[in-house]
Amino acid sequence: MILITGATGQLGQALAAEAKRRHLEFLAVSRPEFDLAVPATIDACFARARPDLVINAAAYTAVDAAETEHDAARAGNHTGPEHLALLCATHNVPLIHISTDYVFDGTKGAPYVETDPTRPAGFYGLTKRDGENAVLASGAKAIILRTAWVYAPYGKNFLRTMLNAARRTSVLRVVADQHGTPTSALDLAAAIMAIAEKIRAEGWQDSFAGIFHVTNSGATTWHGFATAIFEEAERLGHPRPRIDAITTADWPTPAKRPADSRLDCAKLQRVFGCTLPPWREGLKAVLERGVE
């Protein structure tokens, strides 16, 4: 039995669908039944599932709100995952924990590898970094997957924001000086489930433990992503607005975003044999599936 947390989130929904497609037994849970801020709910869901693998896709993800909602961000990204990891350690259950490119400040100027020093620029990234450290220190058989710019046909994400905005206006302003990799939740879920099946088939290996980067391949900017969205969406009947390039300074936010958070995913391929498709292919597949 695989316990999937964060079931109502975009990645959680994709994980449940992928598990079903692979005919894997799973239990998908979310708030209020499973709440990282309420340890008793973590215990109850773990006891109910009696899992042989846990995938933690639950998190506090409101990047800007985290700058003021410190307690909620800390519980969702640090102390809650720590509690879950300690449960996994006690019961000898492998844990796959999802993290983020926001643990980096974006000043390296090249794709980050897993051993690069973390320097979060905001409180959200800080709590995610502290959560990583807590999971690693828990003694659990833990895999931490850092990903970036995740979107899906459902949920709150950049793709859906752009498509909805284009229905209201013919001109959009999008930041063009932040670099990263759009990552389809569908492709990400497929990679995570492939890792889960490898653990089950081969048993736990020491080489599986630690931090891995996982995104679609290639890179772009938010402006480049928006441009690609409407190039693909126009063929499916969506309106295509004009997209003006702006700078980060033109669009101030409470939380500072990393200017270049590209992730090097070579380690994932070496250890697990997983390579996600180019980000444009992932985008096309999501749009062709239909955006809710």
C-alpha atoms as a PDB file:
ATOM      1  CA  MET A   1       0.000   0.000   0.000  1.00  0.00           C
ATOM      2  CA  ILE A   2       1.305   3.424  -0.997  1.00  0.00           C
ATOM      3  CA  LEU A   3       0.225   6.348   1.160  1.00  0.00           C
ATOM      4  CA  ILE A   4      -0.054   9.518  -0.960  1.00  0.00           C
ATOM      5  CA  THR A   5      -0.443  12.784   0.939  1.00  0.00           C
ATOM      6  CA  GLY A   6      -1.671  16.075  -0.482  1.00  0.00           C
ATOM      7  CA  ALA A   7      -4.324  14.281  -2.515  1.00  0.00           C
ATOM      8  CA  THR A   8      -6.234  17.409  -3.539  1.00  0.00           C
ATOM      9  CA  GLY A   9      -3.148  19.244  -4.807  1.00  0.00           C
ATOM     10  CA  GLN A  10      -2.104  19.169  -8.440  1.00  0.00           C
ATOM     11  CA  LEU A  11       0.720  16.673  -7.868  1.00  0.00           C
ATOM     12  CA  GLY A  12      -1.361  14.590  -5.472  1.00  0.00           C
ATOM     13  CA  GLN A  13      -4.119  14.238  -8.057  1.00  0.00           C
ATOM     14  CA  ALA A  14      -1.580  13.276 -10.722  1.00  0.00           C
ATOM     15  CA  LEU A  15       0.025  10.722  -8.395  1.00  0.00           C
ATOM     16  CA  ALA A  16      -3.304   9.075  -7.640  1.00  0.00           C
ATOM     17  CA  ALA A  17      -4.147   8.889 -11.341  1.00  0.00           C
ATOM     18  CA  GLU A  18      -0.732   7.434 -12.171  1.00  0.00           C
ATOM     19  CA  ALA A  19      -0.976   4.856  -9.368  1.00  0.00           C
ATOM     20  CA  LYS A  20      -4.372   3.819 -10.673  1.00  0.00           C
ATOM     21  CA  ARG A  21      -3.003   3.557 -14.209  1.00  0.00           C
ATOM     22  CA  ARG A  22      -0.243   1.254 -12.965  1.00  0.00           C
ATOM     23  CA  HIS A  23      -2.718  -0.819 -10.907  1.00  0.00           C
ATOM     24  CA  LEU A  24      -0.939   0.015  -7.659  1.00  0.00           C
ATOM     25  CA  GLU A  25      -2.743  -0.149  -4.323  1.00  0.00           C
ATOM     26  CA  PHE A  26      -2.786   3.265  -2.695  1.00  0.00           C
ATOM     27  CA  LEU A  27      -4.535   5.511  -0.217  1.00  0.00           C
ATOM     28  CA  ALA A  28      -4.616   9.222  -1.078  1.00  0.00           C
ATOM     29  CA  VAL A  29      -5.285  11.602   1.823  1.00  0.00           C
ATOM     30  CA  SER A  30      -5.566  15.366   2.303  1.00  0.00           C
ATOM     31  CA  ARG A  31      -6.848  17.964   4.767  1.00  0.00           C
ATOM     32  CA  PRO A  32      -8.600  17.822   7.117  1.00  0.00           C
ATOM     33  CA  GLU A  33      -8.151  14.049   7.313  1.00  0.00           C
ATOM     34  CA  PHE A  34      -4.380  14.488   6.907  1.00  0.00           C
ATOM     35  CA  ASP A  35      -2.987  17.807   8.093  1.00  0.00           C
ATOM     36  CA  LEU A  36       0.739  18.385   8.473  1.00  0.00           C
ATOM     37  CA  ALA A  37      -0.043  20.987  11.145  1.00  0.00           C
ATOM     38  CA  VAL A  38      -1.920  18.393  13.250  1.00  0.00           C
ATOM     39  CA  PRO A  39       0.375  15.474  14.154  1.00  0.00           C
ATOM     40  CA  ALA A  40      -2.510  13.290  15.352  1.00  0.00           C
ATOM     41  CA  THR A  41      -3.939  13.230  11.819  1.00  0.00           C
ATOM     42  CA  ILE A  42      -0.568  12.122  10.436  1.00  0.00           C
ATOM     43  CA  ASP A  43      -0.498   9.262  12.948  1.00  0.00           C
ATOM     44  CA  ALA A  44      -4.084   8.242  12.181  1.00  0.00           C
ATOM     45  CA  CYS A  45      -3.602   8.132   8.393  1.00  0.00           C
ATOM     46  CA  PHE A  46      -0.363   6.196   8.741  1.00  0.00           C
ATOM     47  CA  ALA A  47      -2.037   3.651  11.012  1.00  0.00           C
ATOM     48  CA  ARG A  48      -4.996   3.328   8.658  1.00  0.00           C
ATOM     49  CA  ALA A  49      -2.887   2.781   5.548  1.00  0.00           C
ATOM     50  CA  ARG A  50      -0.158   0.623   7.088  1.00  0.00           C
ATOM     51  CA  PRO A  51       1.929   1.623   4.050  1.00  0.00           C
ATOM     52  CA  ASP A  52       5.016   0.003   2.595  1.00  0.00           C
ATOM     53  CA  LEU A  53       5.854   3.352   0.924  1.00  0.00           C
ATOM     54  CA  VAL A  54       4.883   6.970   1.607  1.00  0.00           C
ATOM     55  CA  ILE A  55       4.878   9.773  -0.983  1.00  0.00           C
ATOM     56  CA  ASN A  56       4.593  13.164   0.689  1.00  0.00           C
ATOM     57  CA  ALA A  57       3.161  15.630  -1.819  1.00  0.00           C
ATOM     58  CA  ALA A  58       1.521  17.718   0.904  1.00  0.00           C
ATOM     59  CA  ALA A  59       3.066  21.096   1.668  1.00  0.00           C
ATOM     60  CA  TYR A  60       2.427  24.741   2.396  1.00  0.00           C
ATOM     61  CA  THR A  61       2.901  26.291  -1.061  1.00  0.00           C
ATOM     62  CA  ALA A  62       1.739  29.923  -0.737  1.00  0.00           C
ATOM     63  CA  VAL A  63       5.148  31.471  -1.430  1.00  0.00           C
ATOM     64  CA  ASP A  64       4.180  35.093  -0.789  1.00  0.00           C
ATOM     65  CA  ALA A  65       1.869  34.420   2.154  1.00  0.00           C
ATOM     66  CA  ALA A  66       4.672  32.462   3.829  1.00  0.00           C
ATOM     67  CA  GLU A  67       6.444  35.756   4.449  1.00  0.00           C
ATOM     68  CA  THR A  68       3.852  36.501   7.135  1.00  0.00           C
ATOM     69  CA  GLU A  69       2.218  33.119   7.868  1.00  0.00           C
ATOM     70  CA  HIS A  70       5.352  31.716   9.475  1.00  0.00           C
ATOM     71  CA  ASP A  71       3.700  29.141  11.719  1.00  0.00           C
ATOM     72  CA  ALA A  72       1.619  27.617   8.930  1.00  0.00           C
ATOM     73  CA  ALA A  73       4.569  27.482   6.544  1.00  0.00           C
ATOM     74  CA  ARG A  74       6.783  25.942   9.215  1.00  0.00           C
ATOM     75  CA  ALA A  75       4.207  23.252  10.040  1.00  0.00           C
ATOM     76  CA  GLY A  76       3.484  22.387   6.408  1.00  0.00           C
ATOM     77  CA  ASN A  77       7.058  22.298   5.188  1.00  0.00           C
ATOM     78  CA  HIS A  78       9.243  21.461   8.173  1.00  0.00           C
ATOM     79  CA  THR A  79       7.776  20.092  11.395  1.00  0.00           C
ATOM     80  CA  GLY A  80       4.926  18.177   9.717  1.00  0.00           C
ATOM     81  CA  PRO A  81       7.211  16.366   7.239  1.00  0.00           C
ATOM     82  CA  GLU A  82       9.641  15.727  10.109  1.00  0.00           C
ATOM     83  CA  HIS A  83       6.886  13.991  12.083  1.00  0.00           C
ATOM     84  CA  LEU A  84       5.952  11.903   9.048  1.00  0.00           C
ATOM     85  CA  ALA A  85       9.594  10.983   8.417  1.00  0.00           C
ATOM     86  CA  LEU A  86      10.069   9.873  12.019  1.00  0.00           C
ATOM     87  CA  LEU A  87       6.998   7.625  11.659  1.00  0.00           C
ATOM     88  CA  CYS A  88       8.508   6.135   8.511  1.00  0.00           C
ATOM     89  CA  ALA A  89      11.811   5.588  10.298  1.00  0.00           C
ATOM     90  CA  THR A  90      10.092   3.841  13.207  1.00  0.00           C
ATOM     91  CA  HIS A  91       8.219   1.489  10.897  1.00  0.00           C
ATOM     92  CA  ASN A  92      11.053   1.059   8.348  1.00  0.00           C
ATOM     93  CA  VAL A  93       8.934   2.481   5.530  1.00  0.00           C
ATOM     94  CA  PRO A  94      10.623   4.310   2.626  1.00  0.00           C
ATOM     95  CA  LEU A  95       9.583   7.941   2.158  1.00  0.00           C
ATOM     96  CA  ILE A  96       9.582  10.022  -1.031  1.00  0.00           C
ATOM     97  CA  HIS A  97       9.387  13.682  -0.025  1.00  0.00           C
ATOM     98  CA  ILE A  98       8.792  16.502  -2.524  1.00  0.00           C
ATOM     99  CA  SER A  99      10.856  19.683  -2.255  1.00  0.00           C
ATOM    100  CA  THR A 100      11.576  22.718  -4.395  1.00  0.00           C
ATOM    101  CA  ASP A 101      14.040  24.800  -6.370  1.00  0.00           C
ATOM    102  CA  TYR A 102      13.291  27.655  -3.935  1.00  0.00           C
ATOM    103  CA  VAL A 103      15.911  26.235  -1.545  1.00  0.00           C
ATOM    104  CA  PHE A 104      18.369  28.076  -3.856  1.00  0.00           C
ATOM    105  CA  ASP A 105      18.722  31.836  -4.287  1.00  0.00           C
ATOM    106  CA  GLY A 106      19.227  31.614  -8.057  1.00  0.00           C
ATOM    107  CA  THR A 107      22.620  33.336  -8.246  1.00  0.00           C
ATOM    108  CA  LYS A 108      24.792  30.399  -9.360  1.00  0.00           C
ATOM    109  CA  GLY A 109      24.418  31.177 -13.061  1.00  0.00           C
ATOM    110  CA  ALA A 110      24.270  27.481 -14.026  1.00  0.00           C
ATOM    111  CA  PRO A 111      21.990  24.527 -13.262  1.00  0.00           C
ATOM    112  CA  TYR A 112      22.135  23.507  -9.620  1.00  0.00           C
ATOM    113  CA  VAL A 113      23.343  20.054  -8.597  1.00  0.00           C
ATOM    114  CA  GLU A 114      22.196  18.319  -5.445  1.00  0.00           C
ATOM    115  CA  THR A 115      25.373  19.133  -3.497  1.00  0.00           C
ATOM    116  CA  ASP A 116      25.272  22.888  -4.129  1.00  0.00           C
ATOM    117  CA  PRO A 117      24.830  24.965  -0.953  1.00  0.00           C
ATOM    118  CA  THR A 118      21.246  25.967  -0.244  1.00  0.00           C
ATOM    119  CA  ARG A 119      20.541  29.658   0.236  1.00  0.00           C
ATOM    120  CA  PRO A 120      16.792  30.289   0.347  1.00  0.00           C
ATOM    121  CA  ALA A 121      15.766  33.839  -0.538  1.00  0.00           C
ATOM    122  CA  GLY A 122      12.387  33.708   1.247  1.00  0.00           C
ATOM    123  CA  PHE A 123      10.618  32.076   4.178  1.00  0.00           C
ATOM    124  CA  TYR A 124       8.907  29.464   2.007  1.00  0.00           C
ATOM    125  CA  GLY A 125      12.272  28.256   0.680  1.00  0.00           C
ATOM    126  CA  LEU A 126      13.729  28.383   4.184  1.00  0.00           C
ATOM    127  CA  THR A 127      11.043  26.079   5.578  1.00  0.00           C
ATOM    128  CA  LYS A 128      11.405  23.694   2.638  1.00  0.00           C
ATOM    129  CA  ARG A 129      15.177  23.562   3.205  1.00  0.00           C
ATOM    130  CA  ASP A 130      14.668  22.926   6.926  1.00  0.00           C
ATOM    131  CA  GLY A 131      12.165  20.215   6.045  1.00  0.00           C
ATOM    132  CA  GLU A 132      14.722  18.529   3.808  1.00  0.00           C
ATOM    133  CA  ASN A 133      17.269  18.558   6.620  1.00  0.00           C
ATOM    134  CA  ALA A 134      14.766  17.176   9.120  1.00  0.00           C
ATOM    135  CA  VAL A 135      13.733  14.348   6.791  1.00  0.00           C
ATOM    136  CA  LEU A 136      17.367  13.433   6.160  1.00  0.00           C
ATOM    137  CA  ALA A 137      18.115  13.492   9.896  1.00  0.00           C
ATOM    138  CA  SER A 138      15.082  11.368  10.814  1.00  0.00           C
ATOM    139  CA  GLY A 139      16.730   8.042  10.082  1.00  0.00           C
ATOM    140  CA  ALA A 140      14.072   7.204   7.492  1.00  0.00           C
ATOM    141  CA  LYS A 141      14.859   5.572   4.169  1.00  0.00           C
ATOM    142  CA  ALA A 142      14.226   8.882   2.466  1.00  0.00           C
ATOM    143  CA  ILE A 143      14.316  10.171  -1.107  1.00  0.00           C
ATOM    144  CA  ILE A 144      13.947  13.935  -1.474  1.00  0.00           C
ATOM    145  CA  LEU A 145      12.890  15.124  -4.912  1.00  0.00           C
ATOM    146  CA  ARG A 146      13.410  18.804  -5.683  1.00  0.00           C
ATOM    147  CA  THR A 147      11.272  20.011  -8.545  1.00  0.00           C
ATOM    148  CA  ALA A 148      10.261  23.359 -10.041  1.00  0.00           C
ATOM    149  CA  TRP A 149       7.533  25.359 -11.792  1.00  0.00           C
ATOM    150  CA  VAL A 150       4.970  22.562 -11.459  1.00  0.00           C
ATOM    151  CA  TYR A 151       1.684  22.862 -13.336  1.00  0.00           C
ATOM    152  CA  ALA A 152      -1.196  20.564 -14.256  1.00  0.00           C
ATOM    153  CA  PRO A 153      -4.542  20.603 -16.079  1.00  0.00           C
ATOM    154  CA  TYR A 154      -6.131  21.368 -12.687  1.00  0.00           C
ATOM    155  CA  GLY A 155      -5.283  23.267  -9.527  1.00  0.00           C
ATOM    156  CA  LYS A 156      -3.696  26.662  -9.022  1.00  0.00           C
ATOM    157  CA  ASN A 157      -0.752  27.126 -11.386  1.00  0.00           C
ATOM    158  CA  PHE A 158       0.783  29.381 -14.009  1.00  0.00           C
ATOM    159  CA  LEU A 159      -0.716  27.547 -16.988  1.00  0.00           C
ATOM    160  CA  ARG A 160      -4.287  27.913 -15.787  1.00  0.00           C
ATOM    161  CA  THR A 161      -3.659  31.486 -14.641  1.00  0.00           C
ATOM    162  CA  MET A 162      -2.463  32.435 -18.132  1.00  0.00           C
ATOM    163  CA  LEU A 163      -5.342  30.754 -19.953  1.00  0.00           C
ATOM    164  CA  ASN A 164      -7.911  32.345 -17.643  1.00  0.00           C
ATOM    165  CA  ALA A 165      -6.293  35.782 -17.939  1.00  0.00           C
ATOM    166  CA  ALA A 166      -6.384  35.588 -21.737  1.00  0.00           C
ATOM    167  CA  ARG A 167     -10.159  35.266 -21.586  1.00  0.00           C
ATOM    168  CA  ARG A 168     -10.338  38.654 -19.858  1.00  0.00           C
ATOM    169  CA  THR A 169      -7.664  40.726 -21.619  1.00  0.00           C
ATOM    170  CA  SER A 170      -5.771  40.826 -24.897  1.00  0.00           C
ATOM    171  CA  VAL A 171      -2.456  41.940 -23.355  1.00  0.00           C
ATOM    172  CA  LEU A 172      -0.509  40.150 -20.620  1.00  0.00           C
ATOM    173  CA  ARG A 173       2.673  41.284 -18.849  1.00  0.00           C
ATOM    174  CA  VAL A 174       4.991  38.426 -17.861  1.00  0.00           C
ATOM    175  CA  VAL A 175       8.374  38.392 -16.154  1.00  0.00           C
ATOM    176  CA  ALA A 176      11.211  37.584 -18.569  1.00  0.00           C
ATOM    177  CA  ASP A 177      14.278  37.598 -16.302  1.00  0.00           C
ATOM    178  CA  GLN A 178      13.589  34.538 -14.129  1.00  0.00           C
ATOM    179  CA  HIS A 179      14.916  31.258 -15.555  1.00  0.00           C
ATOM    180  CA  GLY A 180      13.804  27.728 -14.776  1.00  0.00           C
ATOM    181  CA  THR A 181      12.022  24.654 -16.090  1.00  0.00           C
ATOM    182  CA  PRO A 182       8.243  24.221 -16.320  1.00  0.00           C
ATOM    183  CA  THR A 183       7.446  20.750 -14.995  1.00  0.00           C
ATOM    184  CA  SER A 184       4.267  18.875 -15.837  1.00  0.00           C
ATOM    185  CA  ALA A 185       2.725  17.234 -12.774  1.00  0.00           C
ATOM    186  CA  LEU A 186       1.755  14.360 -15.065  1.00  0.00           C
ATOM    187  CA  ASP A 187       5.375  13.712 -16.058  1.00  0.00           C
ATOM    188  CA  LEU A 188       6.541  14.229 -12.483  1.00  0.00           C
ATOM    189  CA  ALA A 189       3.988  11.749 -11.137  1.00  0.00           C
ATOM    190  CA  ALA A 190       5.044   9.164 -13.726  1.00  0.00           C
ATOM    191  CA  ALA A 191       8.686   9.519 -12.628  1.00  0.00           C
ATOM    192  CA  ILE A 192       7.778   9.238  -8.940  1.00  0.00           C
ATOM    193  CA  MET A 193       5.748   6.089  -9.527  1.00  0.00           C
ATOM    194  CA  ALA A 194       8.577   4.609 -11.602  1.00  0.00           C
ATOM    195  CA  ILE A 195      10.851   5.178  -8.606  1.00  0.00           C
ATOM    196  CA  ALA A 196       8.262   3.568  -6.321  1.00  0.00           C
ATOM    197  CA  GLU A 197       8.085   0.505  -8.544  1.00  0.00           C
ATOM    198  CA  LYS A 198      11.897   0.274  -8.654  1.00  0.00           C
ATOM    199  CA  ILE A 199      12.042   0.273  -4.848  1.00  0.00           C
ATOM    200  CA  ARG A 200       9.451  -2.482  -4.730  1.00  0.00           C
ATOM    201  CA  ALA A 201      11.118  -4.557  -7.435  1.00  0.00           C
ATOM    202  CA  GLU A 202      14.699  -4.291  -6.167  1.00  0.00           C
ATOM    203  CA  GLY A 203      14.234  -3.601  -2.474  1.00  0.00           C
ATOM    204  CA  TRP A 204      15.737  -0.577  -0.783  1.00  0.00           C
ATOM    205  CA  GLN A 205      19.270   0.287  -1.896  1.00  0.00           C
ATOM    206  CA  ASP A 206      21.555   2.697  -0.065  1.00  0.00           C
ATOM    207  CA  SER A 207      22.131   4.522  -3.364  1.00  0.00           C
ATOM    208  CA  PHE A 208      18.437   5.497  -3.392  1.00  0.00           C
ATOM    209  CA  ALA A 209      18.773   7.682  -0.293  1.00  0.00           C
ATOM    210  CA  GLY A 210      19.266  11.423  -0.443  1.00  0.00           C
ATOM    211  CA  ILE A 211      18.388  14.382  -2.618  1.00  0.00           C
ATOM    212  CA  PHE A 212      17.581  14.260  -6.336  1.00  0.00           C
ATOM    213  CA  HIS A 213      16.541  16.925  -8.824  1.00  0.00           C
ATOM    214  CA  VAL A 214      13.627  16.158 -11.121  1.00  0.00           C
ATOM    215  CA  THR A 215      12.134  18.477 -13.732  1.00  0.00           C
ATOM    216  CA  ASN A 216      11.252  18.278 -17.375  1.00  0.00           C
ATOM    217  CA  SER A 217      14.339  18.882 -19.521  1.00  0.00           C
ATOM    218  CA  GLY A 218      15.347  22.205 -21.022  1.00  0.00           C
ATOM    219  CA  ALA A 219      14.751  25.668 -19.599  1.00  0.00           C
ATOM    220  CA  THR A 220      12.996  28.947 -20.308  1.00  0.00           C
ATOM    221  CA  THR A 221      11.665  32.072 -18.594  1.00  0.00           C
ATOM    222  CA  TRP A 222       8.160  32.769 -17.365  1.00  0.00           C
ATOM    223  CA  HIS A 223       7.697  34.913 -20.490  1.00  0.00           C
ATOM    224  CA  GLY A 224       8.979  32.059 -22.641  1.00  0.00           C
ATOM    225  CA  PHE A 225       6.645  29.647 -20.873  1.00  0.00           C
ATOM    226  CA  ALA A 226       3.672  31.949 -21.434  1.00  0.00           C
ATOM    227  CA  THR A 227       4.564  32.350 -25.106  1.00  0.00           C
ATOM    228  CA  ALA A 228       4.752  28.562 -25.524  1.00  0.00           C
ATOM    229  CA  ILE A 229       1.445  28.092 -23.701  1.00  0.00           C
ATOM    230  CA  PHE A 230      -0.395  30.294 -26.186  1.00  0.00           C
ATOM    231  CA  GLU A 231       1.429  28.908 -29.208  1.00  0.00           C
ATOM    232  CA  GLU A 232       0.172  25.454 -28.259  1.00  0.00           C
ATOM    233  CA  ALA A 233      -3.216  26.554 -26.914  1.00  0.00           C
ATOM    234  CA  GLU A 234      -4.125  28.590 -29.999  1.00  0.00           C
ATOM    235  CA  ARG A 235      -4.240  25.371 -32.022  1.00  0.00           C
ATOM    236  CA  LEU A 236      -6.811  24.078 -29.553  1.00  0.00           C
ATOM    237  CA  GLY A 237      -9.057  27.112 -29.890  1.00  0.00           C
ATOM    238  CA  HIS A 238      -7.831  29.285 -27.029  1.00  0.00           C
ATOM    239  CA  PRO A 239      -7.393  33.033 -27.587  1.00  0.00           C
ATOM    240  CA  ARG A 240      -3.810  34.242 -28.058  1.00  0.00           C
ATOM    241  CA  PRO A 241      -3.029  37.551 -26.344  1.00  0.00           C
ATOM    242  CA  ARG A 242      -0.020  39.787 -26.789  1.00  0.00           C
ATOM    243  CA  ILE A 243       2.574  38.974 -24.141  1.00  0.00           C
ATOM    244  CA  ASP A 244       4.786  41.861 -23.057  1.00  0.00           C
ATOM    245  CA  ALA A 245       8.109  41.051 -21.396  1.00  0.00           C
ATOM    246  CA  ILE A 246       8.743  42.766 -18.056  1.00  0.00           C
ATOM    247  CA  THR A 247      11.402  42.517 -15.356  1.00  0.00           C
ATOM    248  CA  THR A 248      11.113  41.175 -11.832  1.00  0.00           C
ATOM    249  CA  ALA A 249      11.371  44.771 -10.618  1.00  0.00           C
ATOM    250  CA  ASP A 250       8.259  45.608 -12.670  1.00  0.00           C
ATOM    251  CA  TRP A 251       6.252  42.970 -10.773  1.00  0.00           C
ATOM    252  CA  PRO A 252       7.177  43.239  -7.076  1.00  0.00           C
ATOM    253  CA  THR A 253       6.085  40.422  -4.757  1.00  0.00           C
ATOM    254  CA  PRO A 254       6.392  39.926  -0.985  1.00  0.00           C
ATOM    255  CA  ALA A 255       8.747  36.968  -1.489  1.00  0.00           C
ATOM    256  CA  LYS A 256      11.889  37.202  -3.588  1.00  0.00           C
ATOM    257  CA  ARG A 257      12.055  34.640  -6.415  1.00  0.00           C
ATOM    258  CA  PRO A 258      15.305  32.998  -7.567  1.00  0.00           C
ATOM    259  CA  ALA A 259      16.508  34.557 -10.828  1.00  0.00           C
ATOM    260  CA  ASP A 260      17.879  31.274 -12.196  1.00  0.00           C
ATOM    261  CA  SER A 261      16.713  28.065 -10.536  1.00  0.00           C
ATOM    262  CA  ARG A 262      17.523  25.566 -13.261  1.00  0.00           C
ATOM    263  CA  LEU A 263      18.166  22.096 -11.822  1.00  0.00           C
ATOM    264  CA  ASP A 264      20.631  19.490 -13.090  1.00  0.00           C
ATOM    265  CA  CYS A 265      18.772  16.158 -13.153  1.00  0.00           C
ATOM    266  CA  ALA A 266      21.656  13.857 -14.183  1.00  0.00           C
ATOM    267  CA  LYS A 267      21.801  12.103 -10.802  1.00  0.00           C
ATOM    268  CA  LEU A 268      18.169  10.987 -11.112  1.00  0.00           C
ATOM    269  CA  GLN A 269      18.937   9.358 -14.446  1.00  0.00           C
ATOM    270  CA  ARG A 270      22.079   7.660 -13.121  1.00  0.00           C
ATOM    271  CA  VAL A 271      20.421   6.157 -10.059  1.00  0.00           C
ATOM    272  CA  PHE A 272      16.828   5.549 -11.130  1.00  0.00           C
ATOM    273  CA  GLY A 273      17.037   5.627 -14.933  1.00  0.00           C
ATOM    274  CA  CYS A 274      14.447   8.411 -15.066  1.00  0.00           C
ATOM    275  CA  THR A 275      14.550  11.254 -17.575  1.00  0.00           C
ATOM    276  CA  LEU A 276      11.535  13.489 -18.036  1.00  0.00           C
ATOM    277  CA  PRO A 277      10.638  14.695 -21.549  1.00  0.00           C
ATOM    278  CA  PRO A 278      11.437  18.208 -22.792  1.00  0.00           C
ATOM    279  CA  TRP A 279       9.222  20.800 -21.151  1.00  0.00           C
ATOM    280  CA  ARG A 280       7.528  21.743 -24.432  1.00  0.00           C
ATOM    281  CA  GLU A 281       6.422  18.121 -24.886  1.00  0.00           C
ATOM    282  CA  GLY A 282       5.074  18.053 -21.337  1.00  0.00           C
ATOM    283  CA  LEU A 283       3.145  21.258 -21.990  1.00  0.00           C
ATOM    284  CA  LYS A 284       1.649  19.944 -25.205  1.00  0.00           C
ATOM    285  CA  ALA A 285       0.500  16.738 -23.497  1.00  0.00           C
ATOM    286  CA  VAL A 286      -1.184  18.650 -20.669  1.00  0.00           C
ATOM    287  CA  LEU A 287      -3.017  20.971 -23.069  1.00  0.00           C
ATOM    288  CA  GLU A 288      -4.126  18.099 -25.292  1.00  0.00           C
ATOM    289  CA  ARG A 289      -5.473  16.282 -22.227  1.00  0.00           C
ATOM    290  CA  GLY A 290      -7.672  19.306 -21.579  1.00  0.00           C
ATOM    291  CA  VAL A 291      -7.281  22.020 -18.950  1.00  0.00           C
ATOM    292  CA  GLU A 292     -10.048  22.202 -16.368  1.00  0.00           C
END
